[in-house]
Amino acid sequence: MMKCTLEMVVAMAMMTIPLTVSAQKNSDPEGFVTYSLPSTVITLEVEAVQEKFHAGPYARFAEKYLGIKARQKDETSVRLTQVKMLPLLEADQSRRYSVNVKKGHLDGTFMKLSRGGLVAFSDAMSGDQTLWRFPEESRSDFSGKGVSSNLTSEAATLYRSGRRESAYDKVSVQQNMLVEKSLEQRAAETAQMILKLRSQRLQIVTGDTDATYSGEAMGAAIDEITRLEKEYMTLFAGYSDYSTQKMMFEVIPEPGRDSQIYVAFRMSDTAGLVPADNLSGKPVVMEIVPQAFAEPVLAEPDSKNAKAVLAYYRIPAICTVKLMDGVNLLLQSRMPVFQLGRESSVPVNVILK
């Protein structure tokens, strides 16, 4: 019963141990099986949406003419839409061990476990990730959304001199001049058009109109009126451009730290998702809380007809991993983290020749 339990622990802890036996220059010595202990890398696949809001030119008149409050300034903001957390394994090059088998060969069970780890996981860390960035800056565009001419006619009173007997009197002359409309005048005119469109739509729906609409014609007319209303409303309420950004970040927990709290990545309203070392963004923090280890029950290995050597392995710590944006909990999960766990050893039978 004890043997079965030990094999299960070793299989779990050593399944990611890559073995190397090489005679190349600057390589490990011949006759030794060298391996690294596994290390956990916490990978985050993050998706965010950036909003670039363009305030309408008539925003400050929205409440006066339409009874709504509109945003007054151009703004850029970013918000998280999806986060995936996945633990990946790789060799910890700071924890490498060798087993001397120069005068013998290893028990087949050990080799099977080690080979399984090599084949299954050694090349799983390879491959580059393509990172998508925000496209170039977009600019506000309210052209073509006006409802009438930018010019208006105003009456101006001029004076000419008229001779009257021996005296000169001022005689008024009425003349029209073209002057540019004020911003508020254009806003008032646009608001009137919006209200008129709403009234026309209501008349069509209720049948309170001289024109006859039925079937597809009624739907088409209502859709066109709604489209025009939305277009004119942007001059008051503004509009937003949205773009999606997807990036991948990695956190490698470090054993021996007093606090297992890391800045996983940062969020910048202008740049979007940025790495942890970019201080322009607001930090998104990862907290790792390992569970306590129970003390093992010791048992003596059977070394009959073989020489027992020690092979080291790691038992992972089962950790609660939290991802937080300030005080908001974004994600919480439990996962094994090898380097925060406990290192132990197992006797390996080296059969002597």
Protein backbone atom coordinates (compact mmCIF):
# COMPACT_ATOMS: atom_id res chain seq x y z
CA MET A 1 0.00 0.00 0.00
CA MET A 2 2.85 2.37 0.85
CA LYS A 3 4.63 1.53 -2.40
CA CYS A 4 1.60 2.48 -4.45
CA THR A 5 1.22 5.81 -2.67
CA LEU A 6 4.89 6.67 -3.19
CA GLU A 7 4.71 5.91 -6.89
CA MET A 8 1.70 8.15 -7.26
CA VAL A 9 3.48 11.05 -5.53
CA VAL A 10 6.61 10.59 -7.62
CA ALA A 11 4.58 10.41 -10.82
CA MET A 12 2.83 13.68 -9.97
CA ALA A 13 5.96 15.50 -8.88
CA MET A 14 8.37 14.25 -11.53
CA MET A 15 6.16 13.99 -14.58
CA THR A 16 7.59 17.31 -15.84
CA ILE A 17 11.28 16.49 -15.15
CA PRO A 18 13.26 16.72 -18.40
CA LEU A 19 16.23 14.32 -18.50
CA THR A 20 19.40 14.96 -20.45
CA VAL A 21 22.32 12.65 -21.15
CA SER A 22 24.92 14.22 -23.45
CA ALA A 23 28.62 14.06 -24.29
CA GLN A 24 28.78 17.51 -25.92
CA LYS A 25 31.24 20.17 -24.87
CA ASN A 26 30.16 22.20 -21.81
CA SER A 27 27.48 19.61 -21.10
CA ASP A 28 26.77 17.58 -18.02
CA PRO A 29 29.22 14.73 -17.31
CA GLU A 30 28.75 11.37 -18.95
CA GLY A 31 27.22 8.60 -16.92
CA PHE A 32 24.92 10.97 -15.03
CA VAL A 33 21.20 11.51 -15.52
CA THR A 34 20.62 15.23 -15.00
CA TYR A 35 17.18 16.74 -14.54
CA SER A 36 15.53 19.97 -13.35
CA LEU A 37 12.70 20.30 -10.89
CA PRO A 38 9.44 21.62 -12.31
CA SER A 39 8.41 25.26 -11.90
CA THR A 40 4.95 26.75 -12.37
CA VAL A 41 4.35 29.80 -14.56
CA ILE A 42 0.92 31.39 -14.18
CA THR A 43 -0.20 32.64 -17.58
CA LEU A 44 -2.92 35.24 -18.00
CA GLU A 45 -4.77 35.70 -21.28
CA VAL A 46 -6.32 39.14 -20.99
CA GLU A 47 -8.83 40.91 -23.22
CA ALA A 48 -9.73 44.57 -22.80
CA VAL A 49 -11.84 47.10 -24.68
CA GLN A 50 -10.69 50.68 -25.08
CA GLU A 51 -13.27 53.44 -25.55
CA LYS A 52 -12.31 56.71 -27.20
CA PHE A 53 -15.18 59.12 -26.63
CA HIS A 54 -15.58 62.19 -28.83
CA ALA A 55 -17.73 64.91 -27.25
CA GLY A 56 -20.32 66.51 -29.54
CA PRO A 57 -19.84 70.14 -30.58
CA TYR A 58 -23.28 70.99 -29.13
CA ALA A 59 -22.80 69.10 -25.87
CA ARG A 60 -23.15 72.15 -23.61
CA PHE A 61 -26.55 72.92 -25.14
CA ALA A 62 -27.95 69.39 -24.81
CA GLU A 63 -29.71 70.01 -21.51
CA LYS A 64 -31.12 73.35 -22.62
CA TYR A 65 -32.67 72.18 -25.90
CA LEU A 66 -33.17 68.43 -25.42
CA GLY A 67 -33.32 67.99 -21.64
CA ILE A 68 -30.42 65.53 -21.51
CA LYS A 69 -27.00 65.69 -19.89
CA ALA A 70 -24.13 65.02 -22.26
CA ARG A 71 -20.44 64.39 -21.65
CA GLN A 72 -18.57 67.61 -22.29
CA LYS A 73 -14.98 66.43 -22.92
CA ASP A 74 -13.17 63.91 -25.09
CA GLU A 75 -12.18 60.92 -22.93
CA THR A 76 -10.30 57.64 -23.30
CA SER A 77 -10.90 54.69 -20.99
CA VAL A 78 -10.15 50.96 -20.91
CA ARG A 79 -12.01 48.10 -19.20
CA LEU A 80 -11.37 44.39 -18.86
CA THR A 81 -13.78 42.10 -20.66
CA GLN A 82 -12.17 38.68 -20.18
CA VAL A 83 -9.34 37.09 -18.17
CA LYS A 84 -8.20 33.45 -18.44
CA MET A 85 -5.70 32.01 -15.98
CA LEU A 86 -3.69 28.89 -16.83
CA PRO A 87 -0.77 27.27 -14.97
CA LEU A 88 2.06 26.09 -17.23
CA LEU A 89 5.12 24.09 -16.29
CA GLU A 90 8.76 24.56 -17.22
CA ALA A 91 12.14 23.40 -15.97
CA ASP A 92 13.56 25.37 -13.04
CA GLN A 93 17.21 25.85 -14.03
CA SER A 94 18.12 26.89 -10.50
CA ARG A 95 17.20 23.39 -9.24
CA ARG A 96 19.16 20.80 -11.24
CA TYR A 97 20.19 17.38 -9.93
CA SER A 98 22.24 14.48 -11.27
CA VAL A 99 22.00 10.74 -10.60
CA ASN A 100 25.22 8.78 -11.04
CA VAL A 101 24.53 5.66 -13.09
CA LYS A 102 28.00 5.27 -14.61
CA LYS A 103 28.43 1.74 -13.26
CA GLY A 104 24.89 0.56 -13.66
CA HIS A 105 21.52 1.46 -15.09
CA LEU A 106 18.40 2.97 -13.61
CA ASP A 107 15.30 1.08 -12.67
CA GLY A 108 12.92 1.18 -15.65
CA THR A 109 10.14 2.76 -13.58
CA PHE A 110 12.18 5.90 -12.96
CA MET A 111 13.14 6.18 -16.61
CA LYS A 112 9.52 5.77 -17.70
CA LEU A 113 8.34 8.58 -15.46
CA SER A 114 11.14 10.87 -16.58
CA ARG A 115 10.63 10.17 -20.26
CA GLY A 116 6.94 10.84 -19.88
CA GLY A 117 7.68 14.25 -18.45
CA LEU A 118 10.11 15.05 -21.24
CA VAL A 119 7.85 14.03 -24.10
CA ALA A 120 4.67 15.47 -22.69
CA PHE A 121 5.90 18.80 -21.40
CA SER A 122 9.43 19.72 -22.48
CA ASP A 123 8.34 21.39 -25.71
CA ALA A 124 5.03 22.75 -24.41
CA MET A 125 6.66 26.05 -23.45
CA SER A 126 7.98 26.80 -26.95
CA GLY A 127 6.35 29.08 -29.46
CA ASP A 128 5.97 32.84 -29.61
CA GLN A 129 2.78 34.71 -28.84
CA THR A 130 1.59 37.36 -31.29
CA LEU A 131 0.50 40.45 -29.36
CA TRP A 132 -2.16 42.72 -30.82
CA ARG A 133 -1.88 46.41 -30.09
CA PHE A 134 -4.34 49.24 -30.48
CA PRO A 135 -4.53 50.72 -33.97
CA GLU A 136 -3.40 54.27 -34.56
CA GLU A 137 -5.27 57.18 -33.00
CA SER A 138 -8.76 57.89 -34.31
CA ARG A 139 -9.97 61.43 -34.72
CA SER A 140 -13.39 62.92 -34.16
CA ASP A 141 -15.47 63.41 -37.29
CA PHE A 142 -18.69 65.37 -37.21
CA SER A 143 -18.52 66.46 -40.85
CA GLY A 144 -21.63 65.98 -42.90
CA LYS A 145 -23.92 65.80 -39.87
CA GLY A 146 -25.28 69.35 -40.08
CA VAL A 147 -28.94 70.03 -40.83
CA SER A 148 -28.76 73.28 -42.78
CA SER A 149 -26.48 75.99 -44.05
CA ASN A 150 -23.85 77.47 -41.75
CA LEU A 151 -24.92 80.95 -42.81
CA THR A 152 -27.96 82.98 -41.78
CA SER A 153 -29.48 86.25 -42.86
CA GLU A 154 -29.57 89.17 -40.46
CA ALA A 155 -31.12 92.55 -40.96
CA ALA A 156 -28.68 95.44 -40.62
CA THR A 157 -29.63 99.10 -40.63
CA LEU A 158 -27.36 101.35 -42.67
CA TYR A 159 -27.57 105.07 -42.99
CA ARG A 160 -27.05 107.36 -45.95
CA SER A 161 -26.95 111.06 -46.00
CA GLY A 162 -29.90 112.85 -47.60
CA ARG A 163 -30.03 116.54 -48.37
CA ARG A 164 -33.06 118.31 -47.11
CA GLU A 165 -33.21 121.88 -48.11
CA SER A 166 -30.02 123.23 -46.56
CA ALA A 167 -29.50 120.54 -43.87
CA TYR A 168 -28.37 116.91 -44.03
CA ASP A 169 -30.48 114.26 -42.27
CA LYS A 170 -29.78 110.51 -41.72
CA VAL A 171 -32.16 108.32 -43.71
CA SER A 172 -32.36 104.60 -42.75
CA VAL A 173 -31.94 101.99 -45.47
CA GLN A 174 -32.80 98.28 -44.86
CA GLN A 175 -30.22 95.80 -46.22
CA ASN A 176 -29.69 92.06 -45.62
CA MET A 177 -26.22 90.71 -44.81
CA LEU A 178 -24.91 87.15 -44.64
CA VAL A 179 -23.24 86.40 -41.31
CA GLU A 180 -22.08 83.13 -39.68
CA LYS A 181 -24.53 81.50 -37.30
CA SER A 182 -23.45 81.17 -33.70
CA LEU A 183 -22.79 77.74 -32.23
CA GLU A 184 -25.92 77.98 -30.11
CA GLN A 185 -28.04 78.90 -33.12
CA ARG A 186 -26.86 75.83 -34.95
CA ALA A 187 -27.50 73.72 -31.84
CA ALA A 188 -31.04 75.07 -31.52
CA GLU A 189 -31.70 74.36 -35.19
CA THR A 190 -30.43 70.79 -34.87
CA ALA A 191 -32.54 70.23 -31.75
CA GLN A 192 -35.63 71.40 -33.61
CA MET A 193 -34.89 68.93 -36.38
CA ILE A 194 -34.54 66.09 -33.85
CA LEU A 195 -37.86 66.94 -32.25
CA LYS A 196 -39.47 67.18 -35.67
CA LEU A 197 -38.18 63.72 -36.61
CA ARG A 198 -39.57 62.27 -33.40
CA SER A 199 -42.92 63.85 -34.11
CA GLN A 200 -42.97 62.47 -37.66
CA ARG A 201 -42.16 58.97 -36.42
CA LEU A 202 -44.98 59.12 -33.90
CA GLN A 203 -47.40 60.28 -36.59
CA ILE A 204 -46.43 57.40 -38.87
CA VAL A 205 -46.80 54.83 -36.10
CA THR A 206 -50.18 56.17 -34.96
CA GLY A 207 -51.43 56.81 -38.50
CA ASP A 208 -51.85 60.53 -37.82
CA THR A 209 -50.49 61.60 -41.21
CA ASP A 210 -51.78 62.37 -44.69
CA ALA A 211 -49.30 59.95 -46.23
CA THR A 212 -50.19 56.27 -46.33
CA TYR A 213 -47.61 53.75 -45.05
CA SER A 214 -48.04 50.02 -44.87
CA GLY A 215 -45.90 46.91 -44.58
CA GLU A 216 -42.29 47.34 -45.61
CA ALA A 217 -42.77 51.00 -46.52
CA MET A 218 -43.71 51.87 -42.94
CA GLY A 219 -40.73 49.97 -41.55
CA ALA A 220 -38.35 51.60 -44.00
CA ALA A 221 -39.65 55.07 -43.19
CA ILE A 222 -39.33 54.53 -39.42
CA ASP A 223 -35.82 53.10 -39.81
CA GLU A 224 -34.67 56.08 -41.85
CA ILE A 225 -36.13 58.57 -39.39
CA THR A 226 -34.45 56.71 -36.51
CA ARG A 227 -31.11 56.73 -38.36
CA LEU A 228 -31.30 60.46 -38.96
CA GLU A 229 -32.24 61.10 -35.33
CA LYS A 230 -29.25 59.10 -34.07
CA GLU A 231 -26.91 60.91 -36.44
CA TYR A 232 -28.08 64.33 -35.31
CA MET A 233 -28.01 63.24 -31.66
CA THR A 234 -24.26 62.59 -31.90
CA LEU A 235 -23.79 66.34 -32.28
CA PHE A 236 -25.11 66.66 -28.72
CA ALA A 237 -24.31 63.32 -27.07
CA GLY A 238 -21.08 62.58 -28.95
CA TYR A 239 -19.97 59.12 -30.04
CA SER A 240 -17.40 56.47 -29.10
CA ASP A 241 -14.86 54.37 -30.99
CA TYR A 242 -14.18 50.92 -29.50
CA SER A 243 -11.17 48.69 -30.08
CA THR A 244 -10.30 45.32 -28.54
CA GLN A 245 -6.86 44.40 -27.25
CA LYS A 246 -5.65 40.88 -26.39
CA MET A 247 -2.40 40.25 -24.57
CA MET A 248 -0.70 37.52 -22.55
CA PHE A 249 1.14 38.08 -19.28
CA GLU A 250 3.10 35.67 -17.10
CA VAL A 251 3.71 35.62 -13.36
CA ILE A 252 6.44 33.37 -11.98
CA PRO A 253 5.97 32.88 -8.21
CA GLU A 254 9.21 33.21 -6.26
CA PRO A 255 9.80 30.92 -3.29
CA GLY A 256 11.07 32.50 -0.08
CA ARG A 257 9.25 35.82 -0.48
CA ASP A 258 7.54 37.21 2.61
CA SER A 259 4.56 38.28 0.51
CA GLN A 260 3.24 36.37 -2.47
CA ILE A 261 1.68 39.46 -4.03
CA TYR A 262 2.66 40.43 -7.56
CA VAL A 263 1.67 43.09 -10.08
CA ALA A 264 0.44 40.89 -12.93
CA PHE A 265 -0.02 43.71 -15.45
CA ARG A 266 -1.28 47.29 -15.63
CA MET A 267 -4.16 49.08 -17.34
CA SER A 268 -3.61 52.48 -18.94
CA ASP A 269 -6.49 54.53 -20.32
CA THR A 270 -4.29 55.80 -23.15
CA ALA A 271 -2.12 52.74 -23.89
CA GLY A 272 -4.48 49.95 -22.81
CA LEU A 273 -2.94 46.77 -21.38
CA VAL A 274 0.72 47.30 -20.46
CA PRO A 275 3.36 45.18 -18.64
CA ALA A 276 3.83 45.33 -14.88
CA ASP A 277 6.94 47.51 -15.16
CA ASN A 278 5.10 50.23 -17.09
CA LEU A 279 4.14 52.65 -14.32
CA SER A 280 1.78 54.66 -16.52
CA GLY A 281 -1.05 52.20 -15.84
CA LYS A 282 -3.15 51.17 -12.86
CA PRO A 283 -1.90 47.88 -11.37
CA VAL A 284 -3.83 44.61 -11.49
CA VAL A 285 -2.53 42.55 -8.56
CA MET A 286 -2.20 38.78 -8.14
CA GLU A 287 -2.17 37.29 -4.64
CA ILE A 288 -1.07 33.67 -4.11
CA VAL A 289 -1.98 31.97 -0.84
CA PRO A 290 -0.35 28.50 -0.43
CA GLN A 291 -2.03 25.93 1.78
CA ALA A 292 -0.14 24.43 4.72
CA PHE A 293 1.75 21.15 4.29
CA ALA A 294 1.14 18.11 6.43
CA GLU A 295 4.24 16.31 7.73
CA PRO A 296 4.93 13.01 5.89
CA VAL A 297 5.09 9.56 7.44
CA LEU A 298 8.63 8.19 6.97
CA ALA A 299 9.22 4.69 5.54
CA GLU A 300 12.41 2.78 4.78
CA PRO A 301 12.99 1.85 1.10
CA ASP A 302 13.78 -1.71 0.04
CA SER A 303 17.25 -1.73 -1.53
CA LYS A 304 17.64 -5.49 -1.97
CA ASN A 305 19.84 -6.46 -4.93
CA ALA A 306 20.34 -2.83 -5.81
CA LYS A 307 22.15 0.27 -4.70
CA ALA A 308 19.77 3.01 -3.55
CA VAL A 309 20.48 6.59 -4.66
CA LEU A 310 18.30 9.63 -4.06
CA ALA A 311 16.33 11.45 -6.73
CA TYR A 312 14.85 14.80 -5.75
CA TYR A 313 11.41 15.99 -6.67
CA ARG A 314 8.91 18.67 -5.77
CA ILE A 315 5.50 18.30 -4.22
CA PRO A 316 3.48 21.33 -5.37
CA ALA A 317 1.69 23.65 -2.99
CA ILE A 318 -2.01 23.94 -3.68
CA CYS A 319 -2.55 27.69 -3.80
CA THR A 320 -5.51 30.00 -3.90
CA VAL A 321 -4.73 32.55 -6.62
CA LYS A 322 -6.63 35.85 -6.65
CA LEU A 323 -6.53 38.54 -9.33
CA MET A 324 -7.66 41.97 -8.13
CA ASP A 325 -8.21 45.37 -9.68
CA GLY A 326 -7.91 47.55 -6.62
CA VAL A 327 -10.55 46.22 -4.23
CA ASN A 328 -12.48 44.42 -6.97
CA LEU A 329 -11.94 40.66 -7.23
CA LEU A 330 -11.64 39.78 -10.91
CA LEU A 331 -10.79 36.09 -10.70
CA GLN A 332 -10.09 33.42 -8.09
CA SER A 333 -8.92 29.85 -8.61
CA ARG A 334 -6.99 27.02 -6.96
CA MET A 335 -3.93 25.56 -8.67
CA PRO A 336 -0.70 23.71 -7.87
CA VAL A 337 2.47 25.83 -7.75
CA PHE A 338 5.56 23.61 -7.67
CA GLN A 339 8.21 26.11 -6.55
CA LEU A 340 6.12 27.17 -3.54
CA GLY A 341 5.76 23.55 -2.44
CA ARG A 342 8.20 21.22 -0.76
CA GLU A 343 11.29 19.50 -2.12
CA SER A 344 11.75 15.86 -1.19
CA SER A 345 13.66 12.81 -2.38
CA VAL A 346 12.89 9.26 -3.37
CA PRO A 347 15.28 6.28 -3.40
CA VAL A 348 15.99 5.13 -6.94
CA ASN A 349 17.36 1.64 -7.57
CA VAL A 350 20.52 1.59 -9.62
CA ILE A 351 21.15 -2.00 -10.68
CA LEU A 352 24.86 -2.72 -10.56
CA LYS A 353 26.66 -4.64 -13.31
